[in-house]
Amino acid sequence: MIKGFIFDLDGVITDTAESHYKAWKKLSDDMGWDFDHEVNDKLRGISRMDSIQVILDHNNTSLDAETLAKLATKKNDIYVASLETMTPDDYLPGAKELLTHLRTEGFSVALGSASKNAIKVLEQLNASGYFDVIGDGNSVSKSKPEPDIFLYGAEKLNLQPEECIVFEDAESGIDAAKAGGFHSVGIGPKERLGHADLRFDTMAEATLFEIKSYFKDLF
């Protein structure tokens, strides 16, 4: 039986993708690196340090670990500054409604995000009250496509993976959910998320009615 839901943050609850893109673009421009939306798409769902490695690989460049860490921090500072303009109006359409519905029906809810700024984002959205457990980039050492962040959320909810549905917008996130034995819902295009158990183009379509209808044997 489904007792819990675990949500990724960026691209599911809210969309900070453009803010991330602008921060990586600013850093790349300062460093003289090539960076565009195509490269940015490869960063979806992965950690900050993994992201900067993707950018380096794209530019056939290598740096020592200390320099990488400093640059990742610089990017993060640019990004965090942009979060100050985020408000409770910045939920993706349908996200707040689904979270509210899950609360009224008594489901357990966790966040499972690679972001180390997840708590700040939730505070800006006034969304913390929807989550029983916050799993973020500080919670586990291995990021997606490893299932650790979702396993962390399930453990803190006192649930088994098969009792939880994971919401993700990244291919690596669905890979992580499957690796951990979770049910999965993808939010986004089929070419990226066609391997999810259930997929919606947008969060607005992902109502609890639709989810229950698909996973009817599990409710």
N, C-alpha and C. Protein backbone atom coordinates (compact mmCIF):
# COMPACT_ATOMS: atom_id res chain seq x y z
N MET A 1 0.83 -1.20 0.00
CA MET A 1 0.00 0.00 0.00
C MET A 1 0.87 1.26 0.00
N ILE A 2 0.47 2.26 -0.76
CA ILE A 2 1.20 3.52 -0.80
C ILE A 2 0.87 4.35 0.45
N LYS A 3 1.92 4.69 1.17
CA LYS A 3 1.75 5.49 2.39
C LYS A 3 2.53 6.80 2.34
N GLY A 4 3.48 6.90 1.42
CA GLY A 4 4.31 8.09 1.39
C GLY A 4 4.65 8.57 -0.01
N PHE A 5 4.97 9.84 -0.10
CA PHE A 5 5.38 10.48 -1.35
C PHE A 5 6.70 11.21 -1.12
N ILE A 6 7.61 11.08 -2.07
CA ILE A 6 8.90 11.75 -1.99
C ILE A 6 9.07 12.61 -3.23
N PHE A 7 9.32 13.89 -3.03
CA PHE A 7 9.37 14.85 -4.13
C PHE A 7 10.77 15.40 -4.34
N ASP A 8 11.20 15.41 -5.59
CA ASP A 8 12.32 16.25 -5.97
C ASP A 8 11.84 17.70 -5.85
N LEU A 9 12.76 18.65 -5.87
CA LEU A 9 12.38 20.05 -5.69
C LEU A 9 12.36 20.82 -7.01
N ASP A 10 13.55 21.00 -7.59
CA ASP A 10 13.64 21.79 -8.83
C ASP A 10 12.95 21.06 -9.98
N GLY A 11 12.00 21.74 -10.62
CA GLY A 11 11.29 21.15 -11.74
C GLY A 11 10.07 20.35 -11.35
N VAL A 12 9.84 20.21 -10.04
CA VAL A 12 8.66 19.48 -9.55
C VAL A 12 7.82 20.38 -8.65
N ILE A 13 8.43 20.92 -7.60
CA ILE A 13 7.73 21.82 -6.69
C ILE A 13 7.80 23.27 -7.20
N THR A 14 8.97 23.65 -7.66
CA THR A 14 9.18 24.98 -8.21
C THR A 14 10.20 24.87 -9.32
N ASP A 15 10.38 25.93 -10.07
CA ASP A 15 11.33 25.88 -11.18
C ASP A 15 12.43 26.91 -10.95
N THR A 16 13.56 26.44 -10.46
CA THR A 16 14.72 27.31 -10.29
C THR A 16 15.73 27.10 -11.40
N ALA A 17 15.30 26.37 -12.43
CA ALA A 17 16.23 26.00 -13.51
C ALA A 17 16.88 27.22 -14.16
N GLU A 18 16.11 28.27 -14.42
CA GLU A 18 16.67 29.44 -15.08
C GLU A 18 17.67 30.15 -14.18
N SER A 19 17.39 30.15 -12.87
CA SER A 19 18.32 30.77 -11.93
C SER A 19 19.64 29.99 -11.89
N HIS A 20 19.52 28.66 -11.92
CA HIS A 20 20.73 27.82 -11.97
C HIS A 20 21.50 28.08 -13.26
N TYR A 21 20.76 28.14 -14.37
CA TYR A 21 21.40 28.37 -15.67
C TYR A 21 22.17 29.69 -15.67
N LYS A 22 21.54 30.74 -15.18
CA LYS A 22 22.19 32.06 -15.19
C LYS A 22 23.43 32.07 -14.31
N ALA A 23 23.37 31.33 -13.18
CA ALA A 23 24.53 31.28 -12.29
C ALA A 23 25.69 30.52 -12.94
N TRP A 24 25.38 29.37 -13.57
CA TRP A 24 26.42 28.61 -14.27
C TRP A 24 26.95 29.40 -15.46
N LYS A 25 26.08 30.11 -16.15
CA LYS A 25 26.48 30.91 -17.31
C LYS A 25 27.42 32.03 -16.89
N LYS A 26 27.10 32.69 -15.78
CA LYS A 26 27.95 33.77 -15.28
C LYS A 26 29.34 33.23 -14.91
N LEU A 27 29.37 32.10 -14.22
CA LEU A 27 30.64 31.49 -13.85
C LEU A 27 31.44 31.09 -15.09
N SER A 28 30.76 30.46 -16.04
CA SER A 28 31.42 30.00 -17.26
C SER A 28 31.98 31.17 -18.07
N ASP A 29 31.18 32.23 -18.17
CA ASP A 29 31.65 33.42 -18.90
C ASP A 29 32.89 34.00 -18.23
N ASP A 30 32.86 34.06 -16.90
CA ASP A 30 34.01 34.60 -16.17
C ASP A 30 35.27 33.75 -16.40
N MET A 31 35.06 32.44 -16.58
CA MET A 31 36.19 31.52 -16.76
C MET A 31 36.56 31.32 -18.22
N GLY A 32 35.77 31.89 -19.13
CA GLY A 32 36.04 31.71 -20.55
C GLY A 32 35.63 30.34 -21.08
N TRP A 33 34.66 29.71 -20.42
CA TRP A 33 34.18 28.38 -20.83
C TRP A 33 32.94 28.49 -21.71
N ASP A 34 32.79 27.54 -22.60
CA ASP A 34 31.58 27.43 -23.40
C ASP A 34 30.47 26.82 -22.55
N PHE A 35 29.32 27.46 -22.52
CA PHE A 35 28.18 26.94 -21.74
C PHE A 35 26.89 27.47 -22.35
N ASP A 36 25.96 26.55 -22.64
CA ASP A 36 24.67 26.95 -23.21
C ASP A 36 23.58 26.05 -22.62
N HIS A 37 22.35 26.22 -23.10
CA HIS A 37 21.23 25.46 -22.55
C HIS A 37 21.38 23.95 -22.79
N GLU A 38 22.04 23.58 -23.89
CA GLU A 38 22.23 22.16 -24.17
C GLU A 38 23.13 21.51 -23.11
N VAL A 39 24.20 22.20 -22.75
CA VAL A 39 25.06 21.70 -21.68
C VAL A 39 24.30 21.73 -20.35
N ASN A 40 23.54 22.78 -20.14
CA ASN A 40 22.78 22.94 -18.90
C ASN A 40 21.80 21.78 -18.68
N ASP A 41 21.22 21.27 -19.76
CA ASP A 41 20.28 20.16 -19.65
C ASP A 41 20.93 18.92 -19.04
N LYS A 42 22.24 18.78 -19.24
CA LYS A 42 22.95 17.62 -18.71
C LYS A 42 23.16 17.72 -17.20
N LEU A 43 22.89 18.89 -16.64
CA LEU A 43 23.08 19.11 -15.20
C LEU A 43 21.82 18.79 -14.40
N ARG A 44 20.75 18.49 -15.08
CA ARG A 44 19.47 18.26 -14.42
C ARG A 44 19.56 17.10 -13.43
N GLY A 45 19.28 17.39 -12.17
CA GLY A 45 19.17 16.34 -11.16
C GLY A 45 20.47 15.90 -10.52
N ILE A 46 21.61 16.48 -10.94
CA ILE A 46 22.88 16.03 -10.37
C ILE A 46 23.46 17.10 -9.44
N SER A 47 24.45 16.73 -8.65
CA SER A 47 24.99 17.61 -7.63
C SER A 47 25.81 18.74 -8.23
N ARG A 48 26.13 19.72 -7.40
CA ARG A 48 26.90 20.89 -7.84
C ARG A 48 28.29 20.48 -8.34
N MET A 49 28.96 19.62 -7.59
CA MET A 49 30.31 19.20 -7.99
C MET A 49 30.28 18.34 -9.25
N ASP A 50 29.26 17.50 -9.37
CA ASP A 50 29.11 16.72 -10.61
C ASP A 50 28.81 17.64 -11.78
N SER A 51 28.04 18.69 -11.53
CA SER A 51 27.68 19.65 -12.58
C SER A 51 28.91 20.37 -13.13
N ILE A 52 29.76 20.84 -12.22
CA ILE A 52 30.94 21.56 -12.69
C ILE A 52 31.88 20.63 -13.45
N GLN A 53 31.88 19.35 -13.10
CA GLN A 53 32.69 18.38 -13.83
C GLN A 53 32.16 18.19 -15.25
N VAL A 54 30.84 18.19 -15.41
CA VAL A 54 30.24 18.09 -16.75
C VAL A 54 30.67 19.28 -17.60
N ILE A 55 30.66 20.47 -17.00
CA ILE A 55 31.06 21.67 -17.74
C ILE A 55 32.53 21.61 -18.12
N LEU A 56 33.37 21.14 -17.19
CA LEU A 56 34.80 20.99 -17.49
C LEU A 56 35.02 20.00 -18.63
N ASP A 57 34.33 18.87 -18.55
CA ASP A 57 34.49 17.84 -19.59
C ASP A 57 34.08 18.39 -20.95
N HIS A 58 32.99 19.17 -20.96
CA HIS A 58 32.52 19.77 -22.21
C HIS A 58 33.58 20.69 -22.80
N ASN A 59 34.35 21.33 -21.93
CA ASN A 59 35.37 22.27 -22.38
C ASN A 59 36.77 21.67 -22.44
N ASN A 60 36.83 20.33 -22.28
CA ASN A 60 38.13 19.63 -22.31
C ASN A 60 39.13 20.28 -21.36
N THR A 61 38.65 20.59 -20.15
CA THR A 61 39.45 21.29 -19.16
C THR A 61 39.49 20.49 -17.86
N SER A 62 40.58 20.62 -17.14
CA SER A 62 40.66 20.00 -15.82
C SER A 62 41.24 21.00 -14.83
N LEU A 63 40.80 20.92 -13.58
CA LEU A 63 41.28 21.80 -12.52
C LEU A 63 41.50 20.97 -11.26
N ASP A 64 42.33 21.48 -10.37
CA ASP A 64 42.56 20.76 -9.12
C ASP A 64 41.33 20.87 -8.22
N ALA A 65 41.24 19.98 -7.25
CA ALA A 65 40.05 19.86 -6.40
C ALA A 65 39.76 21.15 -5.64
N GLU A 66 40.80 21.82 -5.17
CA GLU A 66 40.61 23.05 -4.39
C GLU A 66 39.98 24.15 -5.26
N THR A 67 40.48 24.29 -6.49
CA THR A 67 39.92 25.30 -7.40
C THR A 67 38.48 24.96 -7.76
N LEU A 68 38.21 23.69 -8.01
CA LEU A 68 36.85 23.26 -8.31
C LEU A 68 35.90 23.63 -7.19
N ALA A 69 36.31 23.36 -5.96
CA ALA A 69 35.45 23.66 -4.81
C ALA A 69 35.18 25.16 -4.69
N LYS A 70 36.21 25.98 -4.94
CA LYS A 70 36.04 27.43 -4.87
C LYS A 70 35.07 27.93 -5.95
N LEU A 71 35.20 27.37 -7.16
CA LEU A 71 34.32 27.78 -8.25
C LEU A 71 32.88 27.33 -8.01
N ALA A 72 32.71 26.13 -7.46
CA ALA A 72 31.36 25.65 -7.14
C ALA A 72 30.72 26.54 -6.09
N THR A 73 31.51 26.98 -5.12
CA THR A 73 31.01 27.90 -4.09
C THR A 73 30.62 29.24 -4.70
N LYS A 74 31.44 29.72 -5.64
CA LYS A 74 31.14 30.98 -6.31
C LYS A 74 29.81 30.89 -7.06
N LYS A 75 29.63 29.79 -7.80
CA LYS A 75 28.37 29.60 -8.51
C LYS A 75 27.21 29.59 -7.53
N ASN A 76 27.39 28.89 -6.40
CA ASN A 76 26.31 28.78 -5.43
C ASN A 76 25.95 30.14 -4.83
N ASP A 77 26.95 30.97 -4.59
CA ASP A 77 26.69 32.31 -4.05
C ASP A 77 25.84 33.13 -5.02
N ILE A 78 26.14 33.02 -6.31
CA ILE A 78 25.35 33.72 -7.33
C ILE A 78 23.90 33.22 -7.31
N TYR A 79 23.76 31.90 -7.23
CA TYR A 79 22.43 31.29 -7.23
C TYR A 79 21.63 31.66 -5.99
N VAL A 80 22.26 31.54 -4.81
CA VAL A 80 21.55 31.82 -3.56
C VAL A 80 21.06 33.27 -3.53
N ALA A 81 21.86 34.19 -4.04
CA ALA A 81 21.44 35.60 -4.08
C ALA A 81 20.16 35.76 -4.88
N SER A 82 20.01 34.96 -5.93
CA SER A 82 18.81 35.05 -6.78
C SER A 82 17.56 34.52 -6.07
N LEU A 83 17.75 33.67 -5.05
CA LEU A 83 16.60 33.09 -4.35
C LEU A 83 15.84 34.12 -3.52
N GLU A 84 16.47 35.23 -3.20
CA GLU A 84 15.81 36.24 -2.38
C GLU A 84 14.56 36.80 -3.04
N THR A 85 14.48 36.68 -4.36
CA THR A 85 13.30 37.19 -5.07
C THR A 85 12.19 36.16 -5.18
N MET A 86 12.43 34.93 -4.73
CA MET A 86 11.42 33.87 -4.79
C MET A 86 10.33 34.11 -3.74
N THR A 87 9.08 33.84 -4.09
CA THR A 87 7.95 34.05 -3.18
C THR A 87 7.02 32.85 -3.21
N PRO A 88 6.02 32.80 -2.31
CA PRO A 88 5.04 31.71 -2.33
C PRO A 88 4.21 31.64 -3.62
N ASP A 89 4.38 32.61 -4.50
CA ASP A 89 3.70 32.56 -5.80
C ASP A 89 4.48 31.71 -6.81
N ASP A 90 5.65 31.21 -6.42
CA ASP A 90 6.53 30.55 -7.36
C ASP A 90 6.47 29.02 -7.34
N TYR A 91 5.38 28.46 -6.79
CA TYR A 91 5.15 27.03 -6.98
C TYR A 91 4.86 26.78 -8.46
N LEU A 92 5.27 25.63 -8.98
CA LEU A 92 4.80 25.23 -10.29
C LEU A 92 3.29 24.95 -10.22
N PRO A 93 2.53 25.29 -11.25
CA PRO A 93 1.09 25.05 -11.24
C PRO A 93 0.76 23.60 -10.89
N GLY A 94 -0.08 23.41 -9.89
CA GLY A 94 -0.49 22.07 -9.48
C GLY A 94 0.28 21.52 -8.29
N ALA A 95 1.47 22.03 -8.05
CA ALA A 95 2.32 21.47 -6.99
C ALA A 95 1.74 21.72 -5.60
N LYS A 96 1.37 22.95 -5.33
CA LYS A 96 0.83 23.28 -4.01
C LYS A 96 -0.49 22.56 -3.77
N GLU A 97 -1.29 22.45 -4.83
CA GLU A 97 -2.58 21.76 -4.70
C GLU A 97 -2.38 20.28 -4.35
N LEU A 98 -1.41 19.63 -4.99
CA LEU A 98 -1.15 18.22 -4.70
C LEU A 98 -0.61 18.05 -3.28
N LEU A 99 0.32 18.90 -2.88
CA LEU A 99 0.87 18.82 -1.52
C LEU A 99 -0.23 19.02 -0.47
N THR A 100 -1.11 19.96 -0.74
CA THR A 100 -2.22 20.21 0.18
C THR A 100 -3.14 19.00 0.27
N HIS A 101 -3.43 18.39 -0.86
CA HIS A 101 -4.31 17.22 -0.92
C HIS A 101 -3.69 16.05 -0.16
N LEU A 102 -2.39 15.85 -0.33
CA LEU A 102 -1.70 14.77 0.38
C LEU A 102 -1.76 14.99 1.88
N ARG A 103 -1.65 16.23 2.31
CA ARG A 103 -1.75 16.56 3.73
C ARG A 103 -3.14 16.22 4.28
N THR A 104 -4.17 16.62 3.54
CA THR A 104 -5.54 16.40 4.03
C THR A 104 -5.89 14.92 4.08
N GLU A 105 -5.24 14.12 3.23
CA GLU A 105 -5.52 12.68 3.21
C GLU A 105 -4.58 11.89 4.13
N GLY A 106 -3.65 12.58 4.77
CA GLY A 106 -2.84 11.94 5.78
C GLY A 106 -1.62 11.16 5.30
N PHE A 107 -1.19 11.40 4.06
CA PHE A 107 0.01 10.72 3.57
C PHE A 107 1.27 11.34 4.17
N SER A 108 2.31 10.53 4.31
CA SER A 108 3.61 11.04 4.72
C SER A 108 4.32 11.60 3.49
N VAL A 109 5.04 12.70 3.69
CA VAL A 109 5.67 13.38 2.56
C VAL A 109 7.11 13.77 2.91
N ALA A 110 8.02 13.46 2.00
CA ALA A 110 9.43 13.83 2.17
C ALA A 110 9.93 14.57 0.94
N LEU A 111 10.96 15.38 1.15
CA LEU A 111 11.68 16.00 0.04
C LEU A 111 12.91 15.15 -0.23
N GLY A 112 13.20 14.93 -1.51
CA GLY A 112 14.40 14.18 -1.89
C GLY A 112 15.13 14.93 -2.99
N SER A 113 15.89 15.94 -2.61
CA SER A 113 16.51 16.84 -3.58
C SER A 113 18.04 16.80 -3.47
N ALA A 114 18.71 16.94 -4.61
CA ALA A 114 20.17 17.03 -4.61
C ALA A 114 20.66 18.40 -4.18
N SER A 115 19.75 19.36 -4.11
CA SER A 115 20.12 20.74 -3.81
C SER A 115 20.53 20.90 -2.34
N LYS A 116 21.62 21.62 -2.12
CA LYS A 116 22.03 21.96 -0.76
C LYS A 116 21.36 23.24 -0.28
N ASN A 117 20.55 23.84 -1.16
CA ASN A 117 19.81 25.05 -0.81
C ASN A 117 18.31 24.78 -0.67
N ALA A 118 17.95 23.51 -0.54
CA ALA A 118 16.53 23.13 -0.53
C ALA A 118 15.76 23.81 0.60
N ILE A 119 16.35 23.87 1.80
CA ILE A 119 15.64 24.45 2.94
C ILE A 119 15.36 25.93 2.67
N LYS A 120 16.32 26.64 2.10
CA LYS A 120 16.14 28.05 1.75
C LYS A 120 15.00 28.22 0.75
N VAL A 121 14.95 27.35 -0.26
CA VAL A 121 13.89 27.43 -1.27
C VAL A 121 12.53 27.17 -0.63
N LEU A 122 12.45 26.15 0.22
CA LEU A 122 11.18 25.85 0.89
C LEU A 122 10.73 27.01 1.77
N GLU A 123 11.67 27.66 2.43
CA GLU A 123 11.32 28.82 3.26
C GLU A 123 10.78 29.95 2.41
N GLN A 124 11.40 30.20 1.26
CA GLN A 124 10.94 31.27 0.37
C GLN A 124 9.54 30.99 -0.15
N LEU A 125 9.24 29.69 -0.38
CA LEU A 125 7.92 29.28 -0.87
C LEU A 125 6.89 29.17 0.26
N ASN A 126 7.37 29.23 1.50
CA ASN A 126 6.52 28.94 2.66
C ASN A 126 5.94 27.53 2.56
N ALA A 127 6.82 26.57 2.19
CA ALA A 127 6.39 25.20 1.88
C ALA A 127 6.83 24.17 2.92
N SER A 128 7.61 24.58 3.90
CA SER A 128 8.20 23.62 4.83
C SER A 128 7.16 22.77 5.54
N GLY A 129 6.00 23.35 5.80
CA GLY A 129 4.95 22.65 6.54
C GLY A 129 4.34 21.47 5.80
N TYR A 130 4.60 21.35 4.52
CA TYR A 130 4.05 20.23 3.74
C TYR A 130 4.91 18.97 3.88
N PHE A 131 6.10 19.10 4.45
CA PHE A 131 7.04 17.98 4.45
C PHE A 131 7.34 17.49 5.87
N ASP A 132 7.24 16.18 6.04
CA ASP A 132 7.59 15.55 7.30
C ASP A 132 9.10 15.37 7.42
N VAL A 133 9.77 15.20 6.29
CA VAL A 133 11.21 14.94 6.25
C VAL A 133 11.82 15.76 5.11
N ILE A 134 12.98 16.36 5.39
CA ILE A 134 13.71 17.09 4.36
C ILE A 134 15.00 16.34 4.06
N GLY A 135 15.08 15.78 2.86
CA GLY A 135 16.31 15.17 2.39
C GLY A 135 16.90 16.05 1.31
N ASP A 136 18.14 16.49 1.50
CA ASP A 136 18.75 17.39 0.51
C ASP A 136 20.20 16.98 0.25
N GLY A 137 20.93 17.84 -0.42
CA GLY A 137 22.30 17.52 -0.78
C GLY A 137 23.24 17.36 0.40
N ASN A 138 22.78 17.76 1.59
CA ASN A 138 23.57 17.59 2.80
C ASN A 138 23.27 16.28 3.52
N SER A 139 22.26 15.56 3.06
CA SER A 139 21.76 14.38 3.80
C SER A 139 22.51 13.10 3.47
N VAL A 140 22.99 12.98 2.23
CA VAL A 140 23.69 11.76 1.79
C VAL A 140 24.92 12.14 0.99
N SER A 141 25.83 11.20 0.85
CA SER A 141 27.07 11.49 0.11
C SER A 141 26.97 11.15 -1.37
N LYS A 142 26.15 10.17 -1.72
CA LYS A 142 26.02 9.77 -3.12
C LYS A 142 24.76 10.40 -3.73
N SER A 143 24.93 11.12 -4.83
CA SER A 143 23.80 11.78 -5.46
C SER A 143 23.18 10.89 -6.54
N LYS A 144 22.05 11.31 -7.06
CA LYS A 144 21.37 10.58 -8.12
C LYS A 144 22.31 10.44 -9.32
N PRO A 145 22.34 9.31 -10.00
CA PRO A 145 21.32 8.25 -10.06
C PRO A 145 21.39 7.19 -8.96
N GLU A 146 22.27 7.37 -7.97
CA GLU A 146 22.22 6.48 -6.81
C GLU A 146 20.94 6.76 -6.03
N PRO A 147 20.33 5.75 -5.42
CA PRO A 147 19.03 5.93 -4.77
C PRO A 147 19.09 6.47 -3.35
N ASP A 148 20.28 6.85 -2.87
CA ASP A 148 20.49 7.14 -1.45
C ASP A 148 19.54 8.21 -0.90
N ILE A 149 19.30 9.29 -1.65
CA ILE A 149 18.46 10.36 -1.12
C ILE A 149 17.02 9.89 -0.92
N PHE A 150 16.52 9.03 -1.78
CA PHE A 150 15.17 8.51 -1.63
C PHE A 150 15.10 7.46 -0.52
N LEU A 151 16.14 6.66 -0.40
CA LEU A 151 16.21 5.68 0.69
C LEU A 151 16.27 6.40 2.04
N TYR A 152 16.97 7.52 2.07
CA TYR A 152 17.04 8.35 3.28
C TYR A 152 15.64 8.84 3.66
N GLY A 153 14.91 9.37 2.66
CA GLY A 153 13.57 9.86 2.93
C GLY A 153 12.63 8.78 3.42
N ALA A 154 12.67 7.62 2.77
CA ALA A 154 11.80 6.52 3.17
C ALA A 154 12.13 6.05 4.58
N GLU A 155 13.42 5.95 4.89
CA GLU A 155 13.82 5.51 6.23
C GLU A 155 13.33 6.48 7.30
N LYS A 156 13.47 7.77 7.04
CA LYS A 156 13.03 8.78 8.00
C LYS A 156 11.52 8.80 8.15
N LEU A 157 10.81 8.38 7.10
CA LEU A 157 9.34 8.28 7.17
C LEU A 157 8.90 6.95 7.79
N ASN A 158 9.88 6.08 8.07
CA ASN A 158 9.60 4.72 8.58
C ASN A 158 8.77 3.91 7.58
N LEU A 159 9.12 4.05 6.31
CA LEU A 159 8.42 3.35 5.24
C LEU A 159 9.42 2.55 4.40
N GLN A 160 8.91 1.52 3.73
CA GLN A 160 9.70 0.77 2.77
C GLN A 160 9.61 1.45 1.40
N PRO A 161 10.61 1.29 0.54
CA PRO A 161 10.55 1.91 -0.79
C PRO A 161 9.27 1.59 -1.56
N GLU A 162 8.80 0.34 -1.47
CA GLU A 162 7.59 -0.04 -2.22
C GLU A 162 6.32 0.61 -1.69
N GLU A 163 6.43 1.29 -0.54
CA GLU A 163 5.29 2.02 0.02
C GLU A 163 5.30 3.50 -0.39
N CYS A 164 6.27 3.88 -1.23
CA CYS A 164 6.45 5.29 -1.58
C CYS A 164 6.43 5.52 -3.09
N ILE A 165 5.93 6.68 -3.48
CA ILE A 165 5.98 7.14 -4.86
C ILE A 165 6.92 8.34 -4.93
N VAL A 166 7.87 8.28 -5.84
CA VAL A 166 8.84 9.36 -6.05
C VAL A 166 8.41 10.21 -7.24
N PHE A 167 8.46 11.52 -7.08
CA PHE A 167 8.19 12.48 -8.16
C PHE A 167 9.51 13.08 -8.62
N GLU A 168 9.79 13.01 -9.91
CA GLU A 168 11.05 13.48 -10.46
C GLU A 168 10.87 14.11 -11.84
N ASP A 169 11.74 15.07 -12.16
CA ASP A 169 11.74 15.64 -13.51
C ASP A 169 13.02 15.29 -14.27
N ALA A 170 13.93 14.56 -13.60
CA ALA A 170 15.22 14.25 -14.21
C ALA A 170 15.35 12.76 -14.50
N GLU A 171 16.00 12.44 -15.61
CA GLU A 171 16.25 11.05 -15.95
C GLU A 171 17.02 10.34 -14.84
N SER A 172 18.03 11.03 -14.30
CA SER A 172 18.83 10.44 -13.22
C SER A 172 17.99 10.20 -11.97
N GLY A 173 16.96 11.02 -11.77
CA GLY A 173 16.08 10.85 -10.62
C GLY A 173 15.19 9.63 -10.74
N ILE A 174 14.66 9.41 -11.94
CA ILE A 174 13.86 8.20 -12.17
C ILE A 174 14.75 6.97 -12.07
N ASP A 175 15.97 7.06 -12.59
CA ASP A 175 16.93 5.96 -12.46
C ASP A 175 17.17 5.64 -10.99
N ALA A 176 17.29 6.68 -10.17
CA ALA A 176 17.53 6.50 -8.74
C ALA A 176 16.33 5.85 -8.06
N ALA A 177 15.14 6.30 -8.43
CA ALA A 177 13.92 5.72 -7.84
C ALA A 177 13.82 4.23 -8.18
N LYS A 178 14.08 3.90 -9.42
CA LYS A 178 14.01 2.50 -9.84
C LYS A 178 15.07 1.65 -9.14
N ALA A 179 16.27 2.22 -9.01
CA ALA A 179 17.36 1.49 -8.36
C ALA A 179 17.04 1.20 -6.90
N GLY A 180 16.25 2.09 -6.29
CA GLY A 180 15.91 1.92 -4.88
C GLY A 180 14.66 1.11 -4.62
N GLY A 181 13.96 0.73 -5.70
CA GLY A 181 12.75 -0.06 -5.53
C GLY A 181 11.50 0.75 -5.27
N PHE A 182 11.51 2.03 -5.68
CA PHE A 182 10.36 2.92 -5.48
C PHE A 182 9.45 2.93 -6.71
N HIS A 183 8.20 3.28 -6.51
CA HIS A 183 7.31 3.61 -7.62
C HIS A 183 7.68 5.03 -8.08
N SER A 184 7.47 5.33 -9.35
CA SER A 184 7.95 6.62 -9.85
C SER A 184 6.93 7.33 -10.72
N VAL A 185 6.93 8.66 -10.59
CA VAL A 185 6.13 9.55 -11.44
C VAL A 185 7.09 10.57 -12.05
N GLY A 186 7.14 10.63 -13.36
CA GLY A 186 7.99 11.59 -14.05
C GLY A 186 7.20 12.82 -14.45
N ILE A 187 7.82 13.98 -14.29
CA ILE A 187 7.20 15.24 -14.70
C ILE A 187 8.05 15.84 -15.81
N GLY A 188 7.56 15.75 -17.04
CA GLY A 188 8.32 16.26 -18.17
C GLY A 188 8.14 15.39 -19.40
N PRO A 189 8.95 15.63 -20.43
CA PRO A 189 8.75 14.98 -21.73
C PRO A 189 9.07 13.48 -21.73
N LYS A 190 8.41 12.77 -22.63
CA LYS A 190 8.58 11.32 -22.74
C LYS A 190 10.01 10.93 -23.07
N GLU A 191 10.68 11.70 -23.91
CA GLU A 191 12.04 11.33 -24.31
C GLU A 191 13.01 11.35 -23.14
N ARG A 192 12.68 12.09 -22.08
CA ARG A 192 13.53 12.14 -20.89
C ARG A 192 13.03 11.21 -19.80
N LEU A 193 11.71 11.04 -19.71
CA LEU A 193 11.12 10.37 -18.55
C LEU A 193 10.21 9.21 -18.92
N GLY A 194 10.39 8.70 -20.12
CA GLY A 194 9.53 7.61 -20.57
C GLY A 194 9.67 6.33 -19.77
N HIS A 195 10.77 6.21 -19.00
CA HIS A 195 10.98 5.00 -18.21
C HIS A 195 10.35 5.08 -16.83
N ALA A 196 9.69 6.19 -16.50
CA ALA A 196 8.96 6.29 -15.22
C ALA A 196 7.72 5.41 -15.28
N ASP A 197 7.24 4.97 -14.12
CA ASP A 197 6.02 4.15 -14.09
C ASP A 197 4.83 4.93 -14.65
N LEU A 198 4.77 6.20 -14.31
CA LEU A 198 3.70 7.09 -14.76
C LEU A 198 4.33 8.42 -15.08
N ARG A 199 3.85 9.06 -16.14
CA ARG A 199 4.46 10.33 -16.55
C ARG A 199 3.39 11.36 -16.88
N PHE A 200 3.65 12.59 -16.48
CA PHE A 200 2.81 13.72 -16.85
C PHE A 200 3.69 14.79 -17.48
N ASP A 201 3.12 15.54 -18.40
CA ASP A 201 3.88 16.63 -19.00
C ASP A 201 4.17 17.73 -17.98
N THR A 202 3.19 17.98 -17.10
CA THR A 202 3.33 19.05 -16.10
C THR A 202 2.76 18.60 -14.76
N MET A 203 3.13 19.30 -13.70
CA MET A 203 2.59 19.01 -12.38
C MET A 203 1.10 19.28 -12.30
N ALA A 204 0.61 20.19 -13.13
CA ALA A 204 -0.81 20.51 -13.11
C ALA A 204 -1.67 19.29 -13.45
N GLU A 205 -1.11 18.36 -14.23
CA GLU A 205 -1.83 17.15 -14.60
C GLU A 205 -1.73 16.06 -13.53
N ALA A 206 -0.78 16.21 -12.62
CA ALA A 206 -0.47 15.15 -11.65
C ALA A 206 -1.35 15.26 -10.40
N THR A 207 -2.63 15.07 -10.58
CA THR A 207 -3.55 15.14 -9.45
C THR A 207 -3.55 13.81 -8.69
N LEU A 208 -3.97 13.87 -7.44
CA LEU A 208 -4.03 12.65 -6.64
C LEU A 208 -5.03 11.67 -7.24
N PHE A 209 -6.08 12.17 -7.86
CA PHE A 209 -7.06 11.30 -8.52
C PHE A 209 -6.40 10.49 -9.64
N GLU A 210 -5.60 11.16 -10.48
CA GLU A 210 -4.92 10.49 -11.58
C GLU A 210 -3.90 9.46 -11.06
N ILE A 211 -3.20 9.84 -10.00
CA ILE A 211 -2.19 8.95 -9.42
C ILE A 211 -2.86 7.70 -8.83
N LYS A 212 -3.93 7.92 -8.10
CA LYS A 212 -4.65 6.78 -7.51
C LYS A 212 -5.26 5.90 -8.59
N SER A 213 -5.70 6.50 -9.67
CA SER A 213 -6.30 5.74 -10.75
C SER A 213 -5.27 4.81 -11.40
N TYR A 214 -4.05 5.31 -11.57
CA TYR A 214 -3.01 4.50 -12.19
C TYR A 214 -2.49 3.43 -11.25
N PHE A 215 -2.22 3.81 -10.01
CA PHE A 215 -1.69 2.86 -9.03
C PHE A 215 -2.81 2.29 -8.18
N LYS A 216 -3.96 2.01 -8.82
CA LYS A 216 -5.18 1.67 -8.08
C LYS A 216 -5.02 0.45 -7.18
N ASP A 217 -4.17 -0.47 -7.53
CA ASP A 217 -3.99 -1.68 -6.72
C ASP A 217 -3.14 -1.42 -5.48
N LEU A 218 -2.59 -0.22 -5.39
CA LEU A 218 -1.66 0.09 -4.29
C LEU A 218 -2.26 1.05 -3.26
N PHE A 219 -3.50 1.47 -3.49
CA PHE A 219 -4.15 2.38 -2.53
C PHE A 219 -5.33 1.67 -1.86
